[in-house]
Structures are given as C-alpha cells and as structure tokens.
Amino acid sequence: MHRFHNILFDSHRIKDKTEALPLVLRLIADNQAQLHILITYSLFQDKPRGNKTTSLVNKERK
C-alpha cells in the first residue's frame, strides 16, 4: 500500500466543503502526513471573467 506524504486539497469547485474536509483529514491521519494550509483568494471575484483578467495576466508575463 502506498503512503501519501503530500496531500493537496482544492476546495474551489466543491459545493459542500464540510463533507470533503473530514475526508482529507482522515487521509492525512491514515498516512501520517503533515497538514499545510494555503489560503488563496481572487482579486477578481466580483468581476466577470474574460479579457480583463487575461490581459492582466499577459501584462504580468512580459
């Protein structure tokens, strides 16, 4: 049986995060893994996706 040392939990598109989080915590405990938390947020949450976001990303890459 494989043991996982790094587990990434992405809750962005999960509707009910309260059901998924206990599963992740159980995986961490069962595999004796460490829990690292990364919280991110979008500056563009209230704005529609599209050209504005894409053009900003393209400017940052130059």
C-alpha atoms as a PDB file:
ATOM      1  CA  MET A   1       0.000   0.000   0.000  1.00  0.00           C
ATOM      2  CA  HIS A   2       1.307   3.443  -0.936  1.00  0.00           C
ATOM      3  CA  ARG A   3       1.666   6.122   1.679  1.00  0.00           C
ATOM      4  CA  PHE A   4       0.945   9.721   0.764  1.00  0.00           C
ATOM      5  CA  HIS A   5       3.190  12.407   2.223  1.00  0.00           C
ATOM      6  CA  ASN A   6       1.849  15.446   0.385  1.00  0.00           C
ATOM      7  CA  ILE A   7      -1.887  15.865   0.068  1.00  0.00           C
ATOM      8  CA  LEU A   8      -3.351  18.858  -1.753  1.00  0.00           C
ATOM      9  CA  PHE A   9      -6.979  19.695  -1.006  1.00  0.00           C
ATOM     10  CA  ASP A  10      -8.516  22.083  -3.521  1.00  0.00           C
ATOM     11  CA  SER A  11     -11.961  23.161  -2.375  1.00  0.00           C
ATOM     12  CA  HIS A  12     -12.537  25.759  -5.085  1.00  0.00           C
ATOM     13  CA  ARG A  13     -15.232  23.892  -7.029  1.00  0.00           C
ATOM     14  CA  ILE A  14     -16.642  21.778  -4.198  1.00  0.00           C
ATOM     15  CA  LYS A  15     -20.173  22.797  -3.260  1.00  0.00           C
ATOM     16  CA  ASP A  16     -20.218  21.292   0.243  1.00  0.00           C
ATOM     17  CA  LYS A  17     -16.765  21.785   1.717  1.00  0.00           C
ATOM     18  CA  THR A  18     -17.890  20.498   5.114  1.00  0.00           C
ATOM     19  CA  GLU A  19     -18.195  16.962   3.716  1.00  0.00           C
ATOM     20  CA  ALA A  20     -14.862  16.942   1.884  1.00  0.00           C
ATOM     21  CA  LEU A  21     -12.660  18.301   4.660  1.00  0.00           C
ATOM     22  CA  PRO A  22     -13.138  15.337   7.062  1.00  0.00           C
ATOM     23  CA  LEU A  23     -12.088  13.001   4.236  1.00  0.00           C
ATOM     24  CA  VAL A  24      -8.879  14.964   3.745  1.00  0.00           C
ATOM     25  CA  LEU A  25      -8.185  14.985   7.477  1.00  0.00           C
ATOM     26  CA  ARG A  26      -8.678  11.215   7.599  1.00  0.00           C
ATOM     27  CA  LEU A  27      -6.272  10.756   4.653  1.00  0.00           C
ATOM     28  CA  ILE A  28      -3.695  12.852   6.460  1.00  0.00           C
ATOM     29  CA  ALA A  29      -4.065  10.874   9.683  1.00  0.00           C
ATOM     30  CA  ASP A  30      -4.058   7.478   7.947  1.00  0.00           C
ATOM     31  CA  ASN A  31      -0.892   8.340   6.026  1.00  0.00           C
ATOM     32  CA  GLN A  32       0.855  10.135   8.887  1.00  0.00           C
ATOM     33  CA  ALA A  33       1.196  13.136   6.611  1.00  0.00           C
ATOM     34  CA  GLN A  34       1.598  16.752   7.612  1.00  0.00           C
ATOM     35  CA  LEU A  35      -1.125  19.309   7.080  1.00  0.00           C
ATOM     36  CA  HIS A  36      -0.110  22.512   5.325  1.00  0.00           C
ATOM     37  CA  ILE A  37      -2.771  25.100   4.591  1.00  0.00           C
ATOM     38  CA  LEU A  38      -2.658  27.551   1.715  1.00  0.00           C
ATOM     39  CA  ILE A  39      -5.469  30.078   1.521  1.00  0.00           C
ATOM     40  CA  THR A  40      -5.855  31.998  -1.707  1.00  0.00           C
ATOM     41  CA  TYR A  41      -8.448  34.387  -2.988  1.00  0.00           C
ATOM     42  CA  SER A  42      -9.174  36.093  -6.245  1.00  0.00           C
ATOM     43  CA  LEU A  43      -8.964  39.838  -6.656  1.00  0.00           C
ATOM     44  CA  PHE A  44     -11.463  39.462  -9.487  1.00  0.00           C
ATOM     45  CA  GLN A  45     -14.255  37.640  -7.638  1.00  0.00           C
ATOM     46  CA  ASP A  46     -16.891  40.312  -8.217  1.00  0.00           C
ATOM     47  CA  LYS A  47     -15.939  40.896 -11.841  1.00  0.00           C
ATOM     48  CA  PRO A  48     -16.863  38.755 -14.824  1.00  0.00           C
ATOM     49  CA  ARG A  49     -14.149  36.539 -16.231  1.00  0.00           C
ATOM     50  CA  GLY A  50     -12.825  37.383 -19.611  1.00  0.00           C
ATOM     51  CA  ASN A  51     -10.462  39.679 -21.413  1.00  0.00           C
ATOM     52  CA  LYS A  52      -9.655  41.931 -18.447  1.00  0.00           C
ATOM     53  CA  THR A  53      -8.245  39.074 -16.394  1.00  0.00           C
ATOM     54  CA  THR A  54      -6.454  37.569 -19.379  1.00  0.00           C
ATOM     55  CA  SER A  55      -4.887  40.862 -20.405  1.00  0.00           C
ATOM     56  CA  LEU A  56      -3.680  41.480 -16.846  1.00  0.00           C
ATOM     57  CA  VAL A  57      -2.053  38.048 -16.756  1.00  0.00           C
ATOM     58  CA  ASN A  58      -0.427  38.676 -20.134  1.00  0.00           C
ATOM     59  CA  LYS A  59       0.983  42.011 -18.909  1.00  0.00           C
ATOM     60  CA  GLU A  60       2.458  40.317 -15.837  1.00  0.00           C
ATOM     61  CA  ARG A  61       4.220  37.727 -18.011  1.00  0.00           C
ATOM     62  CA  LYS A  62       6.034  40.366 -20.117  1.00  0.00           C
END
